[in-house]
Every structure is written in structure tokens, then in C-alpha cells.
């Protein structure tokens, strides 16, 4: 196995050197059409970095000619296939500005938006590109209402929304786990307002009720009645929103506990006053 691995490594080195040598010879040529043909061959063989180098050198030679649009188109895709999405997005944008009436304009407009989606970072990081991808895809849908890519654009938007929802849900859960219950209640309420059609909407509302209950229990006695009343108010809103929810019973328990706490506090206050 070691012999085979060494052979393969040697083969790859020889192949890479051969390709580099071939590219160097092509670059030395003064024949722009020949270099363009070779660039297209590299592109067809998915050797995008070699194709990109040649296309870049050929910009001055073909700018303004009939071949320039195809050259620019493939040049932009070289960066996309090489996963340098920021550069690809910028080039797709440049293509649209240079060739706004091209038959490929719709495709390139979609790809520009898709580049933002490909740059969407890990969940823990800021989701600027995720939001940008959503906005760009919505703009694409509005600009190309009859496009066959609208389904794909909507799927990208849904994936982005799901990612943003998950990030916000984890932040709300973190507040709850850190016993920052008021912040958790507000965060879960924001989640519900931002994603009312979410499959987890009922769970978010339950967490609002639960968080306010925990917050009320931790409060000074002078604030508890007001805060336990907030729990019952949120429960009533739960009933209005989700009258058939399987989580309704659990939410009702927190409402009943809150009412009992209010009665206890009020009875204690009456007893104290009587003394």
C-alpha cells in the first residue's frame, strides 16, 4: 500500500508539473485566439485555475469583441467552481452591469444571489451573508417573475430562514439555561413574531409562558403579583393562538400555579393588614 501511495503521489506531482509547464508555454504565445481556445479547453476539463489565469490575461485582447461576453461568463464561473464565492459574486455583478440584456442575465443574476448563500457562515457566527442571500433571492424573484429558478430561489430563502430561526432559538434557550428568564421570555416572543408559521411556534409560546413564570418566582414579593399576572395573560394568548395545541395543558399548569401564587400573596397581605 505504501508503494502504491508513493506512486500516486509521484504521479500527481509529475502531472501538476506537466500542466504548469503546458500553461507556461501557452502564456508565452502571442496568438490570443490560440490562448482562448486553450483556456476553453482547461475550462471544459474543469481545470478552473488554469482557465482563469488565461482568461484574465485575455481581457485586454477581447474586450469589446463578440467573444468577450463568453470569456467574462466563464471567467466568473472559474471563481465560483474554485469556491472563491466573494470574487465570483463580484464578477457576476460585473457581468450583469456589462451585459444587462444578455440571454444569460437571468442565470447570472441567480448565481450572484446564490454566491451569498454559499458564503453563509456557521451558525455561531454573524449571519450577514445569510440575510443578504434571502434579500437577493427575493429581489431575483421580483425581477424575474416567470423564471424557472423561482422554486430554487424560494428553497434558498426557506433554508436561510430556517438557519436564522435556529440561531435565534439557540440564543433564547441560552438565556433560559442561564436563568435569565425575562430575557428568555422576550427572546422566545420575538421568535414567535419573527417566525409565526414555524413548526415550533407552539413550543416558543410555551417557553414564553414558562419563562415568565420562572421570572415571577425569582422576583421580589412586591413585584410578584404583577409578574404572575403576566403569566396568565400569556397563557390566555396561547389559548387564542393555539386552541388545539397538545402543549396547552402544560401551559395551563403554569397559569394555575400563577393564580395560586397570587391568591397566597394577597391572603398574606390581608393577614398582615389585619394585624
C-alpha atoms as a PDB file:
ATOM      1  CA  UNK A   1       0.000   0.000   0.000  1.00  0.00           C
ATOM      2  CA  UNK A   2       2.864   2.367   0.796  1.00  0.00           C
ATOM      3  CA  UNK A   3       4.368   1.731  -2.651  1.00  0.00           C
ATOM      4  CA  UNK A   4       1.011   2.479  -4.286  1.00  0.00           C
ATOM      5  CA  UNK A   5       0.593   5.710  -2.276  1.00  0.00           C
ATOM      6  CA  UNK A   6       4.101   6.831  -3.161  1.00  0.00           C
ATOM      7  CA  UNK A   7       3.457   6.068  -6.823  1.00  0.00           C
ATOM      8  CA  UNK A   8       0.217   8.037  -6.793  1.00  0.00           C
ATOM      9  CA  UNK A   9       1.914  10.973  -5.062  1.00  0.00           C
ATOM     10  CA  UNK A  10       4.707  10.925  -7.632  1.00  0.00           C
ATOM     11  CA  UNK A  11       2.170  10.726 -10.450  1.00  0.00           C
ATOM     12  CA  UNK A  12       0.294  13.752  -9.113  1.00  0.00           C
ATOM     13  CA  UNK A  13       3.500  15.754  -8.811  1.00  0.00           C
ATOM     14  CA  UNK A  14       4.528  14.873 -12.361  1.00  0.00           C
ATOM     15  CA  UNK A  15       1.020  15.657 -13.639  1.00  0.00           C
ATOM     16  CA  UNK A  16       0.980  19.031 -11.867  1.00  0.00           C
ATOM     17  CA  UNK A  17       4.415  19.965 -13.193  1.00  0.00           C
ATOM     18  CA  UNK A  18       3.389  18.928 -16.678  1.00  0.00           C
ATOM     19  CA  UNK A  19       0.225  21.042 -16.505  1.00  0.00           C
ATOM     20  CA  UNK A  20       2.161  24.046 -15.203  1.00  0.00           C
ATOM     21  CA  UNK A  21       4.713  23.640 -17.960  1.00  0.00           C
ATOM     22  CA  UNK A  22       1.922  23.441 -20.525  1.00  0.00           C
ATOM     23  CA  UNK A  23       0.273  26.566 -19.113  1.00  0.00           C
ATOM     24  CA  UNK A  24       3.574  28.469 -19.205  1.00  0.00           C
ATOM     25  CA  UNK A  25       4.041  27.612 -22.886  1.00  0.00           C
ATOM     26  CA  UNK A  26       0.521  28.785 -23.690  1.00  0.00           C
ATOM     27  CA  UNK A  27       1.010  32.047 -21.786  1.00  0.00           C
ATOM     28  CA  UNK A  28       4.104  32.824 -23.838  1.00  0.00           C
ATOM     29  CA  UNK A  29       2.126  32.610 -27.063  1.00  0.00           C
ATOM     30  CA  UNK A  30       1.279  35.876 -28.842  1.00  0.00           C
ATOM     31  CA  UNK A  31      -1.789  34.308 -30.506  1.00  0.00           C
ATOM     32  CA  UNK A  32      -4.807  35.477 -28.478  1.00  0.00           C
ATOM     33  CA  UNK A  33      -7.245  33.150 -30.273  1.00  0.00           C
ATOM     34  CA  UNK A  34      -4.987  30.170 -29.570  1.00  0.00           C
ATOM     35  CA  UNK A  35      -4.785  31.112 -25.884  1.00  0.00           C
ATOM     36  CA  UNK A  36      -8.577  31.497 -25.725  1.00  0.00           C
ATOM     37  CA  UNK A  37      -9.034  28.041 -27.253  1.00  0.00           C
ATOM     38  CA  UNK A  38      -6.695  26.573 -24.654  1.00  0.00           C
ATOM     39  CA  UNK A  39      -8.460  28.450 -21.868  1.00  0.00           C
ATOM     40  CA  UNK A  40     -11.768  26.980 -23.020  1.00  0.00           C
ATOM     41  CA  UNK A  41     -10.166  23.518 -23.064  1.00  0.00           C
ATOM     42  CA  UNK A  42      -8.967  23.947 -19.478  1.00  0.00           C
ATOM     43  CA  UNK A  43     -12.450  25.153 -18.534  1.00  0.00           C
ATOM     44  CA  UNK A  44     -14.096  22.125 -20.175  1.00  0.00           C
ATOM     45  CA  UNK A  45     -11.688  19.827 -18.314  1.00  0.00           C
ATOM     46  CA  UNK A  46     -12.575  21.591 -15.026  1.00  0.00           C
ATOM     47  CA  UNK A  47      -9.056  22.948 -14.604  1.00  0.00           C
ATOM     48  CA  UNK A  48     -10.536  26.233 -13.499  1.00  0.00           C
ATOM     49  CA  UNK A  49      -7.448  27.882 -12.065  1.00  0.00           C
ATOM     50  CA  UNK A  50      -5.527  27.457 -15.303  1.00  0.00           C
ATOM     51  CA  UNK A  51      -8.517  28.658 -17.328  1.00  0.00           C
ATOM     52  CA  UNK A  52      -8.931  31.642 -15.009  1.00  0.00           C
ATOM     53  CA  UNK A  53      -5.306  32.709 -15.463  1.00  0.00           C
ATOM     54  CA  UNK A  54      -5.601  32.644 -19.234  1.00  0.00           C
ATOM     55  CA  UNK A  55      -8.992  34.379 -19.321  1.00  0.00           C
ATOM     56  CA  UNK A  56      -7.627  37.139 -17.109  1.00  0.00           C
ATOM     57  CA  UNK A  57      -4.700  37.717 -19.463  1.00  0.00           C
ATOM     58  CA  UNK A  58      -7.073  37.834 -22.433  1.00  0.00           C
ATOM     59  CA  UNK A  59      -9.360  40.587 -21.127  1.00  0.00           C
ATOM     60  CA  UNK A  60      -7.478  43.419 -22.937  1.00  0.00           C
ATOM     61  CA  UNK A  61      -7.337  41.407 -26.183  1.00  0.00           C
ATOM     62  CA  UNK A  62     -11.062  40.616 -26.427  1.00  0.00           C
ATOM     63  CA  UNK A  63     -12.768  43.458 -24.569  1.00  0.00           C
ATOM     64  CA  UNK A  64     -15.361  44.956 -26.917  1.00  0.00           C
ATOM     65  CA  UNK A  65     -15.381  41.910 -29.214  1.00  0.00           C
ATOM     66  CA  UNK A  66     -18.145  39.343 -29.691  1.00  0.00           C
ATOM     67  CA  UNK A  67     -16.111  36.772 -27.772  1.00  0.00           C
ATOM     68  CA  UNK A  68     -15.763  38.896 -24.666  1.00  0.00           C
ATOM     69  CA  UNK A  69     -19.147  38.040 -23.147  1.00  0.00           C
ATOM     70  CA  UNK A  70     -18.499  34.286 -23.162  1.00  0.00           C
ATOM     71  CA  UNK A  71     -14.973  34.875 -21.856  1.00  0.00           C
ATOM     72  CA  UNK A  72     -16.303  37.008 -18.982  1.00  0.00           C
ATOM     73  CA  UNK A  73     -19.047  34.458 -18.242  1.00  0.00           C
ATOM     74  CA  UNK A  74     -16.600  31.558 -17.950  1.00  0.00           C
ATOM     75  CA  UNK A  75     -14.096  33.683 -16.057  1.00  0.00           C
ATOM     76  CA  UNK A  76     -16.717  34.408 -13.371  1.00  0.00           C
ATOM     77  CA  UNK A  77     -17.632  30.736 -13.132  1.00  0.00           C
ATOM     78  CA  UNK A  78     -13.971  29.805 -12.669  1.00  0.00           C
ATOM     79  CA  UNK A  79     -14.058  31.600  -9.325  1.00  0.00           C
ATOM     80  CA  UNK A  80     -17.389  30.034  -8.424  1.00  0.00           C
ATOM     81  CA  UNK A  81     -16.183  26.499  -9.143  1.00  0.00           C
ATOM     82  CA  UNK A  82     -12.971  27.271  -7.258  1.00  0.00           C
ATOM     83  CA  UNK A  83     -15.202  28.183  -4.276  1.00  0.00           C
ATOM     84  CA  UNK A  84     -13.961  31.760  -4.066  1.00  0.00           C
ATOM     85  CA  UNK A  85     -17.549  32.944  -3.802  1.00  0.00           C
ATOM     86  CA  UNK A  86     -16.909  36.563  -2.882  1.00  0.00           C
ATOM     87  CA  UNK A  87     -14.896  37.095  -6.077  1.00  0.00           C
ATOM     88  CA  UNK A  88     -17.454  35.147  -8.092  1.00  0.00           C
ATOM     89  CA  UNK A  89     -20.304  37.313  -6.766  1.00  0.00           C
ATOM     90  CA  UNK A  90     -18.423  40.468  -7.695  1.00  0.00           C
ATOM     91  CA  UNK A  91     -17.751  39.152 -11.198  1.00  0.00           C
ATOM     92  CA  UNK A  92     -21.362  38.046 -11.715  1.00  0.00           C
ATOM     93  CA  UNK A  93     -22.379  41.561 -10.689  1.00  0.00           C
ATOM     94  CA  UNK A  94     -19.894  42.999 -13.195  1.00  0.00           C
ATOM     95  CA  UNK A  95     -21.255  40.716 -15.914  1.00  0.00           C
ATOM     96  CA  UNK A  96     -24.806  41.992 -15.309  1.00  0.00           C
ATOM     97  CA  UNK A  97     -23.613  45.587 -15.479  1.00  0.00           C
ATOM     98  CA  UNK A  98     -21.670  44.950 -18.675  1.00  0.00           C
ATOM     99  CA  UNK A  99     -24.241  42.712 -20.414  1.00  0.00           C
ATOM    100  CA  UNK A 100     -27.651  43.657 -18.925  1.00  0.00           C
ATOM    101  CA  UNK A 101     -29.553  42.372 -21.967  1.00  0.00           C
ATOM    102  CA  UNK A 102     -27.713  39.065 -22.276  1.00  0.00           C
ATOM    103  CA  UNK A 103     -29.794  35.860 -22.629  1.00  0.00           C
ATOM    104  CA  UNK A 104     -27.736  34.617 -19.672  1.00  0.00           C
ATOM    105  CA  UNK A 105     -28.572  37.616 -17.464  1.00  0.00           C
ATOM    106  CA  UNK A 106     -31.265  35.756 -15.522  1.00  0.00           C
ATOM    107  CA  UNK A 107     -28.946  32.836 -14.795  1.00  0.00           C
ATOM    108  CA  UNK A 108     -26.128  35.124 -13.730  1.00  0.00           C
ATOM    109  CA  UNK A 109     -28.456  37.179 -11.546  1.00  0.00           C
ATOM    110  CA  UNK A 110     -29.468  33.977  -9.755  1.00  0.00           C
ATOM    111  CA  UNK A 111     -25.855  32.859  -9.401  1.00  0.00           C
ATOM    112  CA  UNK A 112     -24.882  36.194  -7.917  1.00  0.00           C
ATOM    113  CA  UNK A 113     -27.523  35.716  -5.216  1.00  0.00           C
ATOM    114  CA  UNK A 114     -26.508  32.092  -4.754  1.00  0.00           C
ATOM    115  CA  UNK A 115     -22.925  33.157  -4.041  1.00  0.00           C
ATOM    116  CA  UNK A 116     -24.157  34.911  -0.912  1.00  0.00           C
ATOM    117  CA  UNK A 117     -25.898  31.710   0.126  1.00  0.00           C
ATOM    118  CA  UNK A 118     -22.658  29.779  -0.393  1.00  0.00           C
ATOM    119  CA  UNK A 119     -20.924  32.292   1.890  1.00  0.00           C
ATOM    120  CA  UNK A 120     -23.453  31.761   4.671  1.00  0.00           C
ATOM    121  CA  UNK A 121     -21.264  31.012   7.714  1.00  0.00           C
ATOM    122  CA  UNK A 122     -21.507  28.580  10.606  1.00  0.00           C
ATOM    123  CA  UNK A 123     -24.453  29.077  12.927  1.00  0.00           C
ATOM    124  CA  UNK A 124     -22.305  30.576  15.688  1.00  0.00           C
ATOM    125  CA  UNK A 125     -21.139  33.474  13.503  1.00  0.00           C
ATOM    126  CA  UNK A 126     -22.857  36.644  12.309  1.00  0.00           C
ATOM    127  CA  UNK A 127     -25.354  35.836   9.548  1.00  0.00           C
ATOM    128  CA  UNK A 128     -24.882  38.920   7.357  1.00  0.00           C
ATOM    129  CA  UNK A 129     -24.479  36.861   4.178  1.00  0.00           C
ATOM    130  CA  UNK A 130     -27.439  34.653   5.107  1.00  0.00           C
ATOM    131  CA  UNK A 131     -29.693  37.704   5.339  1.00  0.00           C
ATOM    132  CA  UNK A 132     -28.145  39.110   2.161  1.00  0.00           C
ATOM    133  CA  UNK A 133     -28.839  35.831   0.338  1.00  0.00           C
ATOM    134  CA  UNK A 134     -32.505  35.978   1.371  1.00  0.00           C
ATOM    135  CA  UNK A 135     -32.878  39.582   0.229  1.00  0.00           C
ATOM    136  CA  UNK A 136     -31.060  38.937  -3.044  1.00  0.00           C
ATOM    137  CA  UNK A 137     -33.158  35.863  -3.816  1.00  0.00           C
ATOM    138  CA  UNK A 138     -36.358  37.789  -3.090  1.00  0.00           C
ATOM    139  CA  UNK A 139     -35.150  40.535  -5.396  1.00  0.00           C
ATOM    140  CA  UNK A 140     -34.444  37.882  -8.054  1.00  0.00           C
ATOM    141  CA  UNK A 141     -38.000  36.543  -7.719  1.00  0.00           C
ATOM    142  CA  UNK A 142     -39.432  40.046  -8.038  1.00  0.00           C
ATOM    143  CA  UNK A 143     -37.254  40.849 -11.062  1.00  0.00           C
ATOM    144  CA  UNK A 144     -37.849  37.530 -12.876  1.00  0.00           C
ATOM    145  CA  UNK A 145     -41.455  36.528 -12.018  1.00  0.00           C
ATOM    146  CA  UNK A 146     -41.626  33.912 -14.792  1.00  0.00           C
ATOM    147  CA  UNK A 147     -38.278  32.279 -14.118  1.00  0.00           C
ATOM    148  CA  UNK A 148     -37.943  28.520 -13.792  1.00  0.00           C
ATOM    149  CA  UNK A 149     -35.450  29.226 -10.994  1.00  0.00           C
ATOM    150  CA  UNK A 150     -38.083  30.735  -8.685  1.00  0.00           C
ATOM    151  CA  UNK A 151     -38.619  27.364  -7.000  1.00  0.00           C
ATOM    152  CA  UNK A 152     -34.887  27.112  -6.291  1.00  0.00           C
ATOM    153  CA  UNK A 153     -34.809  30.711  -5.077  1.00  0.00           C
ATOM    154  CA  UNK A 154     -37.671  30.035  -2.652  1.00  0.00           C
ATOM    155  CA  UNK A 155     -35.893  26.936  -1.356  1.00  0.00           C
ATOM    156  CA  UNK A 156     -32.783  29.008  -0.652  1.00  0.00           C
ATOM    157  CA  UNK A 157     -34.908  31.580   1.206  1.00  0.00           C
ATOM    158  CA  UNK A 158     -36.517  28.816   3.283  1.00  0.00           C
ATOM    159  CA  UNK A 159     -33.116  27.345   4.169  1.00  0.00           C
ATOM    160  CA  UNK A 160     -31.842  30.763   5.198  1.00  0.00           C
ATOM    161  CA  UNK A 161     -34.910  31.452   7.311  1.00  0.00           C
ATOM    162  CA  UNK A 162     -34.560  28.056   8.996  1.00  0.00           C
ATOM    163  CA  UNK A 163     -30.928  28.813   9.788  1.00  0.00           C
ATOM    164  CA  UNK A 164     -31.735  32.233  11.232  1.00  0.00           C
ATOM    165  CA  UNK A 165     -34.594  30.755  13.238  1.00  0.00           C
ATOM    166  CA  UNK A 166     -32.332  28.059  14.685  1.00  0.00           C
ATOM    167  CA  UNK A 167     -29.730  30.662  15.639  1.00  0.00           C
ATOM    168  CA  UNK A 168     -32.358  32.809  17.386  1.00  0.00           C
ATOM    169  CA  UNK A 169     -33.852  29.752  19.099  1.00  0.00           C
ATOM    170  CA  UNK A 170     -30.470  28.743  20.482  1.00  0.00           C
ATOM    171  CA  UNK A 171     -29.927  32.264  21.796  1.00  0.00           C
ATOM    172  CA  UNK A 172     -33.327  32.158  23.557  1.00  0.00           C
ATOM    173  CA  UNK A 173     -32.553  28.729  25.007  1.00  0.00           C
ATOM    174  CA  UNK A 174     -29.218  30.012  26.267  1.00  0.00           C
ATOM    175  CA  UNK A 175     -30.939  32.840  28.154  1.00  0.00           C
ATOM    176  CA  UNK A 176     -33.271  30.283  29.705  1.00  0.00           C
ATOM    177  CA  UNK A 177     -30.455  27.907  30.669  1.00  0.00           C
ATOM    178  CA  UNK A 178     -28.565  30.808  32.252  1.00  0.00           C
ATOM    179  CA  UNK A 179     -31.702  31.578  34.325  1.00  0.00           C
ATOM    180  CA  UNK A 180     -32.094  34.953  32.613  1.00  0.00           C
ATOM    181  CA  UNK A 181     -35.809  34.284  32.387  1.00  0.00           C
ATOM    182  CA  UNK A 182     -37.099  37.719  31.425  1.00  0.00           C
ATOM    183  CA  UNK A 183     -34.592  37.910  28.564  1.00  0.00           C
ATOM    184  CA  UNK A 184     -35.603  34.354  27.581  1.00  0.00           C
ATOM    185  CA  UNK A 185     -39.305  35.280  27.560  1.00  0.00           C
ATOM    186  CA  UNK A 186     -38.654  38.286  25.345  1.00  0.00           C
ATOM    187  CA  UNK A 187     -36.400  36.250  23.027  1.00  0.00           C
ATOM    188  CA  UNK A 188     -38.978  33.479  22.601  1.00  0.00           C
ATOM    189  CA  UNK A 189     -41.691  36.088  21.992  1.00  0.00           C
ATOM    190  CA  UNK A 190     -39.525  37.672  19.284  1.00  0.00           C
ATOM    191  CA  UNK A 191     -39.006  34.208  17.771  1.00  0.00           C
ATOM    192  CA  UNK A 192     -42.746  33.677  17.582  1.00  0.00           C
ATOM    193  CA  UNK A 193     -43.300  37.084  15.996  1.00  0.00           C
ATOM    194  CA  UNK A 194     -40.472  36.606  13.500  1.00  0.00           C
ATOM    195  CA  UNK A 195     -41.442  33.034  12.538  1.00  0.00           C
ATOM    196  CA  UNK A 196     -45.216  32.746  13.118  1.00  0.00           C
ATOM    197  CA  UNK A 197     -45.518  29.890  10.615  1.00  0.00           C
ATOM    198  CA  UNK A 198     -42.759  27.855  12.260  1.00  0.00           C
ATOM    199  CA  UNK A 199     -43.436  24.209  13.122  1.00  0.00           C
ATOM    200  CA  UNK A 200     -42.132  25.095  16.594  1.00  0.00           C
ATOM    201  CA  UNK A 201     -44.373  28.125  17.132  1.00  0.00           C
ATOM    202  CA  UNK A 202     -46.362  26.389  19.899  1.00  0.00           C
ATOM    203  CA  UNK A 203     -43.151  25.429  21.698  1.00  0.00           C
ATOM    204  CA  UNK A 204     -41.919  29.020  21.534  1.00  0.00           C
ATOM    205  CA  UNK A 205     -45.176  30.258  23.064  1.00  0.00           C
ATOM    206  CA  UNK A 206     -44.977  27.652  25.835  1.00  0.00           C
ATOM    207  CA  UNK A 207     -41.450  28.833  26.605  1.00  0.00           C
ATOM    208  CA  UNK A 208     -42.742  32.411  26.854  1.00  0.00           C
ATOM    209  CA  UNK A 209     -45.266  31.290  29.495  1.00  0.00           C
ATOM    210  CA  UNK A 210     -42.731  29.119  31.285  1.00  0.00           C
ATOM    211  CA  UNK A 211     -40.022  31.801  31.287  1.00  0.00           C
ATOM    212  CA  UNK A 212     -42.337  34.469  32.687  1.00  0.00           C
ATOM    213  CA  UNK A 213     -43.402  32.045  35.423  1.00  0.00           C
ATOM    214  CA  UNK A 214     -39.781  31.372  36.391  1.00  0.00           C
ATOM    215  CA  UNK A 215     -39.079  35.096  36.281  1.00  0.00           C
ATOM    216  CA  UNK A 216     -42.029  35.825  38.555  1.00  0.00           C
ATOM    217  CA  UNK A 217     -40.944  33.203  41.085  1.00  0.00           C
ATOM    218  CA  UNK A 218     -37.468  34.733  41.298  1.00  0.00           C
ATOM    219  CA  UNK A 219     -38.810  38.264  41.756  1.00  0.00           C
ATOM    220  CA  UNK A 220     -39.156  40.317  44.934  1.00  0.00           C
ATOM    221  CA  UNK A 221     -42.528  39.780  46.560  1.00  0.00           C
ATOM    222  CA  UNK A 222     -43.565  43.349  45.776  1.00  0.00           C
ATOM    223  CA  UNK A 223     -43.269  42.550  42.052  1.00  0.00           C
ATOM    224  CA  UNK A 224     -44.652  39.012  42.043  1.00  0.00           C
ATOM    225  CA  UNK A 225     -48.383  39.678  41.655  1.00  0.00           C
ATOM    226  CA  UNK A 226     -47.828  41.817  38.571  1.00  0.00           C
ATOM    227  CA  UNK A 227     -45.445  39.254  37.089  1.00  0.00           C
ATOM    228  CA  UNK A 228     -47.623  36.228  37.834  1.00  0.00           C
ATOM    229  CA  UNK A 229     -50.489  38.098  36.152  1.00  0.00           C
ATOM    230  CA  UNK A 230     -48.242  38.375  33.093  1.00  0.00           C
ATOM    231  CA  UNK A 231     -48.033  34.567  33.053  1.00  0.00           C
ATOM    232  CA  UNK A 232     -51.819  34.224  32.953  1.00  0.00           C
ATOM    233  CA  UNK A 233     -52.033  36.879  30.228  1.00  0.00           C
ATOM    234  CA  UNK A 234     -49.506  34.990  28.116  1.00  0.00           C
ATOM    235  CA  UNK A 235     -51.409  31.749  28.734  1.00  0.00           C
ATOM    236  CA  UNK A 236     -54.637  33.349  27.504  1.00  0.00           C
ATOM    237  CA  UNK A 237     -52.792  34.485  24.390  1.00  0.00           C
ATOM    238  CA  UNK A 238     -51.566  30.892  23.967  1.00  0.00           C
ATOM    239  CA  UNK A 239     -55.196  29.685  24.038  1.00  0.00           C
ATOM    240  CA  UNK A 240     -56.202  32.262  21.427  1.00  0.00           C
ATOM    241  CA  UNK A 241     -53.338  31.391  19.114  1.00  0.00           C
ATOM    242  CA  UNK A 242     -53.255  27.623  19.525  1.00  0.00           C
ATOM    243  CA  UNK A 243     -56.623  26.417  20.874  1.00  0.00           C
ATOM    244  CA  UNK A 244     -55.959  22.811  19.807  1.00  0.00           C
ATOM    245  CA  UNK A 245     -52.319  22.602  20.903  1.00  0.00           C
ATOM    246  CA  UNK A 246     -51.074  19.481  22.664  1.00  0.00           C
ATOM    247  CA  UNK A 247     -48.972  21.808  24.825  1.00  0.00           C
ATOM    248  CA  UNK A 248     -51.986  23.701  26.116  1.00  0.00           C
ATOM    249  CA  UNK A 249     -52.327  21.592  29.261  1.00  0.00           C
ATOM    250  CA  UNK A 250     -48.728  22.264  30.277  1.00  0.00           C
ATOM    251  CA  UNK A 251     -49.184  25.987  29.695  1.00  0.00           C
ATOM    252  CA  UNK A 252     -52.390  25.898  31.751  1.00  0.00           C
ATOM    253  CA  UNK A 253     -50.483  24.385  34.683  1.00  0.00           C
ATOM    254  CA  UNK A 254     -48.203  27.443  34.804  1.00  0.00           C
ATOM    255  CA  UNK A 255     -51.240  29.711  34.628  1.00  0.00           C
ATOM    256  CA  UNK A 256     -52.940  27.861  37.506  1.00  0.00           C
ATOM    257  CA  UNK A 257     -49.752  27.926  39.589  1.00  0.00           C
ATOM    258  CA  UNK A 258     -49.503  31.657  38.967  1.00  0.00           C
ATOM    259  CA  UNK A 259     -53.111  32.220  40.083  1.00  0.00           C
ATOM    260  CA  UNK A 260     -52.466  30.216  43.236  1.00  0.00           C
ATOM    261  CA  UNK A 261     -49.358  32.254  43.990  1.00  0.00           C
ATOM    262  CA  UNK A 262     -51.335  35.478  43.532  1.00  0.00           C
ATOM    263  CA  UNK A 263     -54.015  34.247  45.973  1.00  0.00           C
ATOM    264  CA  UNK A 264     -51.358  33.276  48.538  1.00  0.00           C
ATOM    265  CA  UNK A 265     -49.653  36.660  48.312  1.00  0.00           C
ATOM    266  CA  UNK A 266     -52.946  38.525  48.544  1.00  0.00           C
ATOM    267  CA  UNK A 267     -54.048  36.431  51.555  1.00  0.00           C
ATOM    268  CA  UNK A 268     -50.732  37.143  53.259  1.00  0.00           C
ATOM    269  CA  UNK A 269     -51.202  40.847  52.600  1.00  0.00           C
ATOM    270  CA  UNK A 270     -54.728  40.758  54.086  1.00  0.00           C
ATOM    271  CA  UNK A 271     -53.472  38.885  57.138  1.00  0.00           C
ATOM    272  CA  UNK A 272     -50.644  41.359  57.622  1.00  0.00           C
ATOM    273  CA  UNK A 273     -53.036  44.294  57.339  1.00  0.00           C
ATOM    274  CA  UNK A 274     -55.391  42.763  59.894  1.00  0.00           C
ATOM    275  CA  UNK A 275     -52.584  42.577  62.428  1.00  0.00           C
END
